[in-house]
Amino acid sequence: MDKLMNMREFADRAGAPEATARYWVHIGAAPKSAKIGRRRMFRESDVEAWLDAHFESSATPAAS
């Protein structure tokens, strides 16, 4: 079972302020999440996949 991350943990893992992470959720740019009670939670595997996708999309070709 995946570890669940709260908003602060997600922001820390993404290297962003918590306010930025909340904005990403608001505009739909954050990884999949769910409200559990009053807290927004993220699956660790979804956060890692989201980060990997950002690295893949921003990768530049190696110079020859």
Protein backbone atom coordinates (compact mmCIF):
# COMPACT_ATOMS: atom_id res chain seq x y z
CA MET A 1 0.00 0.00 0.00
CA ASP A 2 1.22 3.46 -0.92
CA LYS A 3 2.20 5.96 1.72
CA LEU A 4 -0.13 8.96 1.80
CA MET A 5 1.35 12.44 1.74
CA ASN A 6 -0.37 15.57 2.99
CA MET A 7 -0.10 18.94 1.23
CA ARG A 8 3.01 20.00 3.14
CA GLU A 9 4.80 16.73 2.38
CA PHE A 10 3.87 17.03 -1.31
CA ALA A 11 5.14 20.61 -1.44
CA ASP A 12 8.40 19.62 0.28
CA ARG A 13 8.90 16.71 -2.14
CA ALA A 14 8.23 19.00 -5.11
CA GLY A 15 10.59 21.64 -3.70
CA ALA A 16 7.92 24.31 -3.74
CA PRO A 17 6.17 26.47 -1.16
CA GLU A 18 2.92 25.02 0.15
CA ALA A 19 0.98 27.94 -1.37
CA THR A 20 2.32 27.00 -4.81
CA ALA A 21 1.32 23.37 -4.30
CA ARG A 22 -2.19 24.50 -3.36
CA TYR A 23 -2.32 26.62 -6.52
CA TRP A 24 -1.27 23.62 -8.61
CA VAL A 25 -4.18 21.67 -7.13
CA HIS A 26 -6.53 24.59 -7.82
CA ILE A 27 -5.58 24.82 -11.52
CA GLY A 28 -5.44 21.04 -12.00
CA ALA A 29 -1.66 20.85 -12.51
CA ALA A 30 -0.90 18.74 -9.42
CA PRO A 31 -0.83 14.95 -9.25
CA LYS A 32 -4.02 13.05 -8.48
CA SER A 33 -5.24 13.65 -4.93
CA ALA A 34 -8.26 13.11 -2.72
CA LYS A 35 -9.88 14.94 0.15
CA ILE A 36 -9.91 12.63 3.16
CA GLY A 37 -11.82 14.35 5.90
CA ARG A 38 -10.60 17.94 5.72
CA ARG A 39 -7.15 17.08 4.37
CA ARG A 40 -5.99 16.75 0.77
CA MET A 41 -3.87 13.63 0.43
CA PHE A 42 -1.60 12.39 -2.34
CA ARG A 43 -0.34 8.87 -3.00
CA GLU A 44 3.44 8.78 -2.93
CA SER A 45 3.56 6.83 -6.21
CA ASP A 46 1.39 9.47 -7.94
CA VAL A 47 3.70 12.25 -6.75
CA GLU A 48 6.79 10.34 -7.95
CA ALA A 49 5.18 9.66 -11.35
CA TRP A 50 4.23 13.36 -11.63
CA LEU A 51 7.80 14.43 -10.87
CA ASP A 52 9.21 11.87 -13.33
CA ALA A 53 6.86 13.15 -16.06
CA HIS A 54 8.07 16.72 -15.48
CA PHE A 55 11.69 15.64 -15.77
CA GLU A 56 10.94 13.67 -18.95
CA SER A 57 9.10 16.57 -20.57
CA SER A 58 11.86 19.05 -19.75
CA ALA A 59 14.80 16.83 -20.71
CA THR A 60 17.05 18.40 -23.30
CA PRO A 61 18.95 16.35 -25.86
CA ALA A 62 22.61 15.74 -25.04
CA ALA A 63 25.05 17.95 -26.91
CA SER A 64 27.31 16.14 -29.37
